């Protein structure tokens, strides 16, 4: 059997279409999941959405984990009593102490020459390093760990490095395109803002560029994506949302706050735009 129904829809597709969003999970199910987390992961979950925040606060899980954490005693300041302070303040102090202690001790520093010229920006995720400079090529390193750097040259090179081997695994050429403004990546692809267009380089070697014409939107200042959409923050104070599969602009979000207009717009605009996905 090939798992296909009479109407041509596969069983896998039907299972995908029947999935429900995490926000629709019952209170008891969420509590069963949240009780498995540590304190700091639970704090992150409380910031995901209002429904999760309500469940976490109502269940008193933060208070329970905080007192357990105090019993474990990360450091001197973490043993202070929290009865006279709001829980939020206590957790913030505990987090600061946790970060301070994580920076103590010996640190190993690894460095190597990634490009012949200086890379302009850098990001890090999943154990990889992605760098970009103006040498007419894109070099990709697909492994379990990652970071991203880029440069504003007219002939762009992006390199994704393995932090384990420091070796290049793939090379991609990108001739005659506008400057690389910004980009991000995941385990399957790199998504970059190149001039006034978006370019996607996939792990299988395929490349797509859209919109098809230059100048479809004003100068782009920053870009982020969450599948299936990419958001470009533009110089005119707008954020343009593109569907990465249909390659069309699905909507335009305009911000009226003075600090988000013109050249003062930054990637904080994209963070705000993510709430509209």
C-alpha atoms as a PDB file:
ATOM      1  CA  UNK A   1       0.000   0.000   0.000  1.00  0.00           C
ATOM      2  CA  UNK A   2       1.217   3.493  -0.766  1.00  0.00           C
ATOM      3  CA  UNK A   3      -0.771   5.173   2.034  1.00  0.00           C
ATOM      4  CA  UNK A   4      -2.908   7.182  -0.415  1.00  0.00           C
ATOM      5  CA  UNK A   5      -6.677   7.621  -0.008  1.00  0.00           C
ATOM      6  CA  UNK A   6      -9.256   7.631  -2.791  1.00  0.00           C
ATOM      7  CA  UNK A   7      -9.160  11.389  -3.058  1.00  0.00           C
ATOM      8  CA  UNK A   8      -5.390  11.311  -3.619  1.00  0.00           C
ATOM      9  CA  UNK A   9      -4.432  12.660  -0.213  1.00  0.00           C
ATOM     10  CA  UNK A  10      -1.750  10.652   1.580  1.00  0.00           C
ATOM     11  CA  UNK A  11      -2.220   9.478   5.142  1.00  0.00           C
ATOM     12  CA  UNK A  12       0.819  11.551   6.160  1.00  0.00           C
ATOM     13  CA  UNK A  13      -0.780  14.683   4.722  1.00  0.00           C
ATOM     14  CA  UNK A  14      -4.015  13.949   6.587  1.00  0.00           C
ATOM     15  CA  UNK A  15      -2.086  13.594   9.826  1.00  0.00           C
ATOM     16  CA  UNK A  16      -0.336  16.890   9.161  1.00  0.00           C
ATOM     17  CA  UNK A  17      -3.618  18.668   8.447  1.00  0.00           C
ATOM     18  CA  UNK A  18      -5.174  17.291  11.641  1.00  0.00           C
ATOM     19  CA  UNK A  19      -2.486  18.710  13.912  1.00  0.00           C
ATOM     20  CA  UNK A  20      -3.590  21.384  16.356  1.00  0.00           C
ATOM     21  CA  UNK A  21      -1.585  24.392  17.609  1.00  0.00           C
ATOM     22  CA  UNK A  22       0.150  24.200  20.991  1.00  0.00           C
ATOM     23  CA  UNK A  23      -2.084  26.983  22.304  1.00  0.00           C
ATOM     24  CA  UNK A  24      -5.100  24.659  22.062  1.00  0.00           C
ATOM     25  CA  UNK A  25      -3.678  22.039  24.453  1.00  0.00           C
ATOM     26  CA  UNK A  26      -5.682  21.450  27.616  1.00  0.00           C
ATOM     27  CA  UNK A  27      -4.576  22.905  30.947  1.00  0.00           C
ATOM     28  CA  UNK A  28      -3.777  19.474  32.427  1.00  0.00           C
ATOM     29  CA  UNK A  29      -1.664  18.443  29.426  1.00  0.00           C
ATOM     30  CA  UNK A  30       0.349  21.667  29.553  1.00  0.00           C
ATOM     31  CA  UNK A  31       0.982  21.185  33.272  1.00  0.00           C
ATOM     32  CA  UNK A  32       2.255  17.655  32.614  1.00  0.00           C
ATOM     33  CA  UNK A  33       4.717  19.101  30.079  1.00  0.00           C
ATOM     34  CA  UNK A  34       5.771  22.151  32.099  1.00  0.00           C
ATOM     35  CA  UNK A  35       6.494  20.108  35.234  1.00  0.00           C
ATOM     36  CA  UNK A  36       9.318  18.380  33.317  1.00  0.00           C
ATOM     37  CA  UNK A  37      11.161  21.667  32.669  1.00  0.00           C
ATOM     38  CA  UNK A  38      13.753  23.440  34.759  1.00  0.00           C
ATOM     39  CA  UNK A  39      13.220  26.929  36.140  1.00  0.00           C
ATOM     40  CA  UNK A  40      14.759  28.928  33.306  1.00  0.00           C
ATOM     41  CA  UNK A  41      13.047  26.914  30.548  1.00  0.00           C
ATOM     42  CA  UNK A  42       9.742  27.427  32.352  1.00  0.00           C
ATOM     43  CA  UNK A  43      10.333  31.181  32.456  1.00  0.00           C
ATOM     44  CA  UNK A  44      10.925  31.154  28.686  1.00  0.00           C
ATOM     45  CA  UNK A  45       7.682  29.218  28.147  1.00  0.00           C
ATOM     46  CA  UNK A  46       5.765  31.768  30.216  1.00  0.00           C
ATOM     47  CA  UNK A  47       6.739  34.413  27.649  1.00  0.00           C
ATOM     48  CA  UNK A  48       5.516  32.444  24.600  1.00  0.00           C
ATOM     49  CA  UNK A  49       1.835  33.428  24.803  1.00  0.00           C
ATOM     50  CA  UNK A  50      -0.840  34.596  27.248  1.00  0.00           C
ATOM     51  CA  UNK A  51      -2.453  31.179  27.587  1.00  0.00           C
ATOM     52  CA  UNK A  52       0.823  29.507  28.593  1.00  0.00           C
ATOM     53  CA  UNK A  53       1.621  32.356  30.970  1.00  0.00           C
ATOM     54  CA  UNK A  54      -1.788  31.945  32.612  1.00  0.00           C
ATOM     55  CA  UNK A  55      -1.345  28.184  33.044  1.00  0.00           C
ATOM     56  CA  UNK A  56       2.132  28.577  34.558  1.00  0.00           C
ATOM     57  CA  UNK A  57       1.077  31.315  36.971  1.00  0.00           C
ATOM     58  CA  UNK A  58      -2.096  29.494  38.027  1.00  0.00           C
ATOM     59  CA  UNK A  59      -0.253  26.242  38.696  1.00  0.00           C
ATOM     60  CA  UNK A  60       2.373  27.965  40.881  1.00  0.00           C
ATOM     61  CA  UNK A  61       5.098  26.004  39.063  1.00  0.00           C
ATOM     62  CA  UNK A  62       7.480  28.962  39.056  1.00  0.00           C
ATOM     63  CA  UNK A  63       7.230  29.338  42.822  1.00  0.00           C
ATOM     64  CA  UNK A  64       7.792  25.611  43.351  1.00  0.00           C
ATOM     65  CA  UNK A  65      10.828  25.457  41.057  1.00  0.00           C
ATOM     66  CA  UNK A  66      12.262  28.652  42.514  1.00  0.00           C
ATOM     67  CA  UNK A  67      12.217  27.246  46.039  1.00  0.00           C
ATOM     68  CA  UNK A  68      13.742  23.989  44.775  1.00  0.00           C
ATOM     69  CA  UNK A  69      16.459  26.044  43.058  1.00  0.00           C
ATOM     70  CA  UNK A  70      17.146  27.864  46.311  1.00  0.00           C
ATOM     71  CA  UNK A  71      17.513  24.559  48.071  1.00  0.00           C
ATOM     72  CA  UNK A  72      20.127  23.611  45.479  1.00  0.00           C
ATOM     73  CA  UNK A  73      21.930  26.902  46.196  1.00  0.00           C
ATOM     74  CA  UNK A  74      23.639  28.131  43.016  1.00  0.00           C
ATOM     75  CA  UNK A  75      25.541  30.767  44.932  1.00  0.00           C
ATOM     76  CA  UNK A  76      25.503  33.006  48.017  1.00  0.00           C
ATOM     77  CA  UNK A  77      23.020  35.537  46.672  1.00  0.00           C
ATOM     78  CA  UNK A  78      20.586  32.831  45.552  1.00  0.00           C
ATOM     79  CA  UNK A  79      19.949  31.770  49.162  1.00  0.00           C
ATOM     80  CA  UNK A  80      18.417  35.099  50.155  1.00  0.00           C
ATOM     81  CA  UNK A  81      14.790  34.963  51.219  1.00  0.00           C
ATOM     82  CA  UNK A  82      12.225  35.947  48.614  1.00  0.00           C
ATOM     83  CA  UNK A  83       9.271  36.466  50.930  1.00  0.00           C
ATOM     84  CA  UNK A  84       9.569  40.258  50.827  1.00  0.00           C
ATOM     85  CA  UNK A  85      10.162  40.537  47.068  1.00  0.00           C
ATOM     86  CA  UNK A  86       7.989  39.810  44.016  1.00  0.00           C
ATOM     87  CA  UNK A  87       8.743  36.427  42.437  1.00  0.00           C
ATOM     88  CA  UNK A  88       9.749  38.114  39.181  1.00  0.00           C
ATOM     89  CA  UNK A  89      12.487  40.092  40.953  1.00  0.00           C
ATOM     90  CA  UNK A  90      13.737  36.972  42.725  1.00  0.00           C
ATOM     91  CA  UNK A  91      13.977  35.021  39.472  1.00  0.00           C
ATOM     92  CA  UNK A  92      15.795  37.906  37.756  1.00  0.00           C
ATOM     93  CA  UNK A  93      18.362  37.973  40.574  1.00  0.00           C
ATOM     94  CA  UNK A  94      18.769  34.208  40.362  1.00  0.00           C
ATOM     95  CA  UNK A  95      19.294  34.401  36.596  1.00  0.00           C
ATOM     96  CA  UNK A  96      21.958  37.101  36.979  1.00  0.00           C
ATOM     97  CA  UNK A  97      23.779  34.989  39.554  1.00  0.00           C
ATOM     98  CA  UNK A  98      23.546  31.960  37.257  1.00  0.00           C
ATOM     99  CA  UNK A  99      25.045  33.914  34.340  1.00  0.00           C
ATOM    100  CA  UNK A 100      27.781  35.390  36.543  1.00  0.00           C
ATOM    101  CA  UNK A 101      28.883  31.983  37.769  1.00  0.00           C
ATOM    102  CA  UNK A 102      28.827  30.549  34.248  1.00  0.00           C
ATOM    103  CA  UNK A 103      31.497  33.091  33.250  1.00  0.00           C
ATOM    104  CA  UNK A 104      33.895  32.093  36.014  1.00  0.00           C
ATOM    105  CA  UNK A 105      36.813  29.729  35.563  1.00  0.00           C
ATOM    106  CA  UNK A 106      39.080  29.014  32.610  1.00  0.00           C
ATOM    107  CA  UNK A 107      37.891  29.756  29.067  1.00  0.00           C
ATOM    108  CA  UNK A 108      39.235  28.150  25.882  1.00  0.00           C
ATOM    109  CA  UNK A 109      39.464  30.504  22.889  1.00  0.00           C
ATOM    110  CA  UNK A 110      39.625  29.076  19.371  1.00  0.00           C
ATOM    111  CA  UNK A 111      40.335  31.269  16.350  1.00  0.00           C
ATOM    112  CA  UNK A 112      41.111  30.725  12.685  1.00  0.00           C
ATOM    113  CA  UNK A 113      41.254  32.762   9.488  1.00  0.00           C
ATOM    114  CA  UNK A 114      37.883  32.494   7.796  1.00  0.00           C
ATOM    115  CA  UNK A 115      38.220  35.170   5.091  1.00  0.00           C
ATOM    116  CA  UNK A 116      40.878  37.315   3.500  1.00  0.00           C
ATOM    117  CA  UNK A 117      38.959  40.434   4.559  1.00  0.00           C
ATOM    118  CA  UNK A 118      37.015  41.344   7.658  1.00  0.00           C
ATOM    119  CA  UNK A 119      33.501  39.918   8.137  1.00  0.00           C
ATOM    120  CA  UNK A 120      30.943  42.536   9.129  1.00  0.00           C
ATOM    121  CA  UNK A 121      28.378  40.678  11.265  1.00  0.00           C
ATOM    122  CA  UNK A 122      28.081  37.399  13.101  1.00  0.00           C
ATOM    123  CA  UNK A 123      25.326  35.188  14.498  1.00  0.00           C
ATOM    124  CA  UNK A 124      25.423  31.831  16.193  1.00  0.00           C
ATOM    125  CA  UNK A 125      22.919  28.979  16.409  1.00  0.00           C
ATOM    126  CA  UNK A 126      22.745  25.190  16.438  1.00  0.00           C
ATOM    127  CA  UNK A 127      26.516  24.880  16.681  1.00  0.00           C
ATOM    128  CA  UNK A 128      27.436  26.438  13.302  1.00  0.00           C
ATOM    129  CA  UNK A 129      29.196  29.670  12.274  1.00  0.00           C
ATOM    130  CA  UNK A 130      28.019  31.472   9.143  1.00  0.00           C
ATOM    131  CA  UNK A 131      30.291  34.230   7.816  1.00  0.00           C
ATOM    132  CA  UNK A 132      29.927  36.550   4.844  1.00  0.00           C
ATOM    133  CA  UNK A 133      32.427  38.629   2.863  1.00  0.00           C
ATOM    134  CA  UNK A 134      32.845  40.032  -0.655  1.00  0.00           C
ATOM    135  CA  UNK A 135      34.619  37.237  -2.525  1.00  0.00           C
ATOM    136  CA  UNK A 136      31.957  36.121  -5.057  1.00  0.00           C
ATOM    137  CA  UNK A 137      31.076  32.869  -3.372  1.00  0.00           C
ATOM    138  CA  UNK A 138      29.069  31.346  -0.581  1.00  0.00           C
ATOM    139  CA  UNK A 139      30.630  28.593   1.436  1.00  0.00           C
ATOM    140  CA  UNK A 140      28.344  26.507   3.634  1.00  0.00           C
ATOM    141  CA  UNK A 141      29.108  24.182   6.495  1.00  0.00           C
ATOM    142  CA  UNK A 142      26.257  21.926   7.548  1.00  0.00           C
ATOM    143  CA  UNK A 143      26.756  20.237  10.930  1.00  0.00           C
ATOM    144  CA  UNK A 144      25.263  20.238  14.393  1.00  0.00           C
ATOM    145  CA  UNK A 145      26.562  23.627  15.563  1.00  0.00           C
ATOM    146  CA  UNK A 146      26.367  27.165  13.919  1.00  0.00           C
ATOM    147  CA  UNK A 147      27.156  30.967  13.745  1.00  0.00           C
ATOM    148  CA  UNK A 148      26.555  33.659  11.092  1.00  0.00           C
ATOM    149  CA  UNK A 149      28.723  36.541   9.823  1.00  0.00           C
ATOM    150  CA  UNK A 150      28.348  38.752   6.793  1.00  0.00           C
ATOM    151  CA  UNK A 151      29.990  41.640   4.966  1.00  0.00           C
ATOM    152  CA  UNK A 152      28.534  44.374   2.799  1.00  0.00           C
ATOM    153  CA  UNK A 153      30.564  43.721  -0.353  1.00  0.00           C
ATOM    154  CA  UNK A 154      29.025  43.795  -3.832  1.00  0.00           C
ATOM    155  CA  UNK A 155      30.219  40.249  -4.536  1.00  0.00           C
ATOM    156  CA  UNK A 156      29.095  38.358  -1.479  1.00  0.00           C
ATOM    157  CA  UNK A 157      30.511  35.264   0.168  1.00  0.00           C
ATOM    158  CA  UNK A 158      28.764  33.539   3.056  1.00  0.00           C
ATOM    159  CA  UNK A 159      30.541  30.794   4.924  1.00  0.00           C
ATOM    160  CA  UNK A 160      28.990  28.392   7.383  1.00  0.00           C
ATOM    161  CA  UNK A 161      31.597  26.862   9.660  1.00  0.00           C
ATOM    162  CA  UNK A 162      31.623  23.731  11.792  1.00  0.00           C
ATOM    163  CA  UNK A 163      32.841  24.565  15.268  1.00  0.00           C
ATOM    164  CA  UNK A 164      34.156  21.026  15.570  1.00  0.00           C
ATOM    165  CA  UNK A 165      36.282  20.705  12.417  1.00  0.00           C
ATOM    166  CA  UNK A 166      36.558  24.355  11.200  1.00  0.00           C
ATOM    167  CA  UNK A 167      36.313  23.015   7.638  1.00  0.00           C
ATOM    168  CA  UNK A 168      34.255  24.100   4.616  1.00  0.00           C
ATOM    169  CA  UNK A 169      31.706  21.538   3.443  1.00  0.00           C
ATOM    170  CA  UNK A 170      29.990  23.353   0.551  1.00  0.00           C
ATOM    171  CA  UNK A 171      30.593  26.283  -1.812  1.00  0.00           C
ATOM    172  CA  UNK A 172      27.990  28.378  -3.666  1.00  0.00           C
ATOM    173  CA  UNK A 173      28.717  31.191  -6.130  1.00  0.00           C
ATOM    174  CA  UNK A 174      26.723  34.405  -6.165  1.00  0.00           C
ATOM    175  CA  UNK A 175      27.830  36.682  -9.040  1.00  0.00           C
ATOM    176  CA  UNK A 176      26.649  40.178  -9.909  1.00  0.00           C
ATOM    177  CA  UNK A 177      24.208  40.805  -7.092  1.00  0.00           C
ATOM    178  CA  UNK A 178      23.640  43.776  -4.794  1.00  0.00           C
ATOM    179  CA  UNK A 179      25.200  43.958  -1.307  1.00  0.00           C
ATOM    180  CA  UNK A 180      24.239  41.376   1.286  1.00  0.00           C
ATOM    181  CA  UNK A 181      22.373  43.361   3.948  1.00  0.00           C
ATOM    182  CA  UNK A 182      21.306  40.677   6.406  1.00  0.00           C
ATOM    183  CA  UNK A 183      20.618  36.973   6.686  1.00  0.00           C
ATOM    184  CA  UNK A 184      19.625  34.076   8.894  1.00  0.00           C
ATOM    185  CA  UNK A 185      19.718  30.309   8.548  1.00  0.00           C
ATOM    186  CA  UNK A 186      18.544  26.929   9.804  1.00  0.00           C
ATOM    187  CA  UNK A 187      19.566  23.320   9.172  1.00  0.00           C
ATOM    188  CA  UNK A 188      18.006  23.313   5.690  1.00  0.00           C
ATOM    189  CA  UNK A 189      18.646  26.727   4.161  1.00  0.00           C
ATOM    190  CA  UNK A 190      20.172  30.212   4.307  1.00  0.00           C
ATOM    191  CA  UNK A 191      17.839  33.168   3.770  1.00  0.00           C
ATOM    192  CA  UNK A 192      19.495  36.475   2.847  1.00  0.00           C
ATOM    193  CA  UNK A 193      18.423  40.031   2.087  1.00  0.00           C
ATOM    194  CA  UNK A 194      20.394  41.117  -0.985  1.00  0.00           C
ATOM    195  CA  UNK A 195      19.723  44.715  -1.945  1.00  0.00           C
ATOM    196  CA  UNK A 196      15.961  44.836  -2.447  1.00  0.00           C
ATOM    197  CA  UNK A 197      15.487  41.099  -2.973  1.00  0.00           C
ATOM    198  CA  UNK A 198      15.458  37.949  -0.864  1.00  0.00           C
ATOM    199  CA  UNK A 199      17.683  35.013  -1.769  1.00  0.00           C
ATOM    200  CA  UNK A 200      17.256  31.472  -0.434  1.00  0.00           C
ATOM    201  CA  UNK A 201      20.075  28.931  -0.694  1.00  0.00           C
ATOM    202  CA  UNK A 202      18.912  25.418   0.120  1.00  0.00           C
ATOM    203  CA  UNK A 203      21.057  22.560   1.298  1.00  0.00           C
ATOM    204  CA  UNK A 204      20.257  20.564  -1.855  1.00  0.00           C
ATOM    205  CA  UNK A 205      21.988  23.260  -3.931  1.00  0.00           C
ATOM    206  CA  UNK A 206      18.895  25.009  -5.283  1.00  0.00           C
ATOM    207  CA  UNK A 207      18.725  28.805  -5.165  1.00  0.00           C
ATOM    208  CA  UNK A 208      15.718  31.106  -5.482  1.00  0.00           C
ATOM    209  CA  UNK A 209      15.604  34.914  -5.661  1.00  0.00           C
ATOM    210  CA  UNK A 210      12.500  37.060  -5.276  1.00  0.00           C
ATOM    211  CA  UNK A 211      10.815  39.428  -5.999  1.00  0.00           C
ATOM    212  CA  UNK A 212      11.751  38.986  -9.659  1.00  0.00           C
ATOM    213  CA  UNK A 213      12.300  42.733 -10.145  1.00  0.00           C
ATOM    214  CA  UNK A 214      14.653  45.055  -8.282  1.00  0.00           C
ATOM    215  CA  UNK A 215      13.078  48.016  -6.520  1.00  0.00           C
ATOM    216  CA  UNK A 216       9.861  46.260  -5.483  1.00  0.00           C
ATOM    217  CA  UNK A 217      10.346  47.733  -2.019  1.00  0.00           C
ATOM    218  CA  UNK A 218      12.449  50.535  -0.565  1.00  0.00           C
ATOM    219  CA  UNK A 219      15.935  49.905   0.764  1.00  0.00           C
ATOM    220  CA  UNK A 220      15.914  46.956   3.160  1.00  0.00           C
ATOM    221  CA  UNK A 221      17.645  47.418   6.508  1.00  0.00           C
ATOM    222  CA  UNK A 222      17.165  44.018   8.140  1.00  0.00           C
ATOM    223  CA  UNK A 223      15.504  40.646   7.624  1.00  0.00           C
ATOM    224  CA  UNK A 224      14.261  37.715   9.710  1.00  0.00           C
ATOM    225  CA  UNK A 225      12.166  34.694   8.865  1.00  0.00           C
ATOM    226  CA  UNK A 226       9.968  32.101  10.489  1.00  0.00           C
ATOM    227  CA  UNK A 227       8.838  29.423   8.043  1.00  0.00           C
ATOM    228  CA  UNK A 228       6.973  29.953   5.808  1.00  0.00           C
ATOM    229  CA  UNK A 229       7.368  33.757   5.969  1.00  0.00           C
ATOM    230  CA  UNK A 230      10.252  36.237   5.811  1.00  0.00           C
ATOM    231  CA  UNK A 231       9.976  39.832   7.046  1.00  0.00           C
ATOM    232  CA  UNK A 232      12.041  42.704   5.650  1.00  0.00           C
ATOM    233  CA  UNK A 233      12.370  45.954   7.602  1.00  0.00           C
ATOM    234  CA  UNK A 234      12.513  48.807   5.069  1.00  0.00           C
ATOM    235  CA  UNK A 235      13.897  52.321   5.137  1.00  0.00           C
ATOM    236  CA  UNK A 236      10.419  53.850   4.684  1.00  0.00           C
ATOM    237  CA  UNK A 237       9.243  52.544   8.073  1.00  0.00           C
ATOM    238  CA  UNK A 238       7.424  49.473   6.794  1.00  0.00           C
ATOM    239  CA  UNK A 239       7.905  45.757   7.332  1.00  0.00           C
ATOM    240  CA  UNK A 240       7.084  43.650   4.276  1.00  0.00           C
ATOM    241  CA  UNK A 241       6.054  40.044   4.844  1.00  0.00           C
ATOM    242  CA  UNK A 242       6.899  37.571   2.059  1.00  0.00           C
ATOM    243  CA  UNK A 243       5.733  33.995   1.638  1.00  0.00           C
ATOM    244  CA  UNK A 244       8.954  32.131   0.856  1.00  0.00           C
ATOM    245  CA  UNK A 245       7.173  29.462  -1.182  1.00  0.00           C
ATOM    246  CA  UNK A 246       4.819  31.539  -3.329  1.00  0.00           C
ATOM    247  CA  UNK A 247       7.505  34.299  -3.399  1.00  0.00           C
ATOM    248  CA  UNK A 248       4.828  36.978  -3.030  1.00  0.00           C
ATOM    249  CA  UNK A 249       4.420  39.837  -0.558  1.00  0.00           C
ATOM    250  CA  UNK A 250       1.470  38.825   1.620  1.00  0.00           C
ATOM    251  CA  UNK A 251       1.135  42.044   3.611  1.00  0.00           C
ATOM    252  CA  UNK A 252       2.785  45.314   4.551  1.00  0.00           C
ATOM    253  CA  UNK A 253       3.023  46.401   8.184  1.00  0.00           C
ATOM    254  CA  UNK A 254       3.507  50.125   8.737  1.00  0.00           C
ATOM    255  CA  UNK A 255       4.890  51.497  11.986  1.00  0.00           C
ATOM    256  CA  UNK A 256       4.144  55.047  13.076  1.00  0.00           C
ATOM    257  CA  UNK A 257       6.408  55.253  16.111  1.00  0.00           C
ATOM    258  CA  UNK A 258       9.133  57.875  15.419  1.00  0.00           C
ATOM    259  CA  UNK A 259      11.918  55.573  16.556  1.00  0.00           C
ATOM    260  CA  UNK A 260      10.921  52.965  13.958  1.00  0.00           C
ATOM    261  CA  UNK A 261      10.857  55.312  10.976  1.00  0.00           C
ATOM    262  CA  UNK A 262      13.561  55.943   8.381  1.00  0.00           C
ATOM    263  CA  UNK A 263      17.169  55.089   9.069  1.00  0.00           C
ATOM    264  CA  UNK A 264      16.545  54.508  12.785  1.00  0.00           C
ATOM    265  CA  UNK A 265      14.705  51.264  12.061  1.00  0.00           C
ATOM    266  CA  UNK A 266      16.609  48.259  13.306  1.00  0.00           C
ATOM    267  CA  UNK A 267      16.123  44.549  13.690  1.00  0.00           C
ATOM    268  CA  UNK A 268      13.968  45.257  16.741  1.00  0.00           C
ATOM    269  CA  UNK A 269      11.290  46.012  14.141  1.00  0.00           C
ATOM    270  CA  UNK A 270      11.525  42.455  12.901  1.00  0.00           C
ATOM    271  CA  UNK A 271      11.113  41.164  16.445  1.00  0.00           C
ATOM    272  CA  UNK A 272       7.923  43.167  16.706  1.00  0.00           C
ATOM    273  CA  UNK A 273       6.789  41.931  13.319  1.00  0.00           C
ATOM    274  CA  UNK A 274       7.152  38.319  14.421  1.00  0.00           C
ATOM    275  CA  UNK A 275       4.108  38.827  16.622  1.00  0.00           C
ATOM    276  CA  UNK A 276       2.040  39.306  13.473  1.00  0.00           C
ATOM    277  CA  UNK A 277       2.962  35.970  11.889  1.00  0.00           C
END
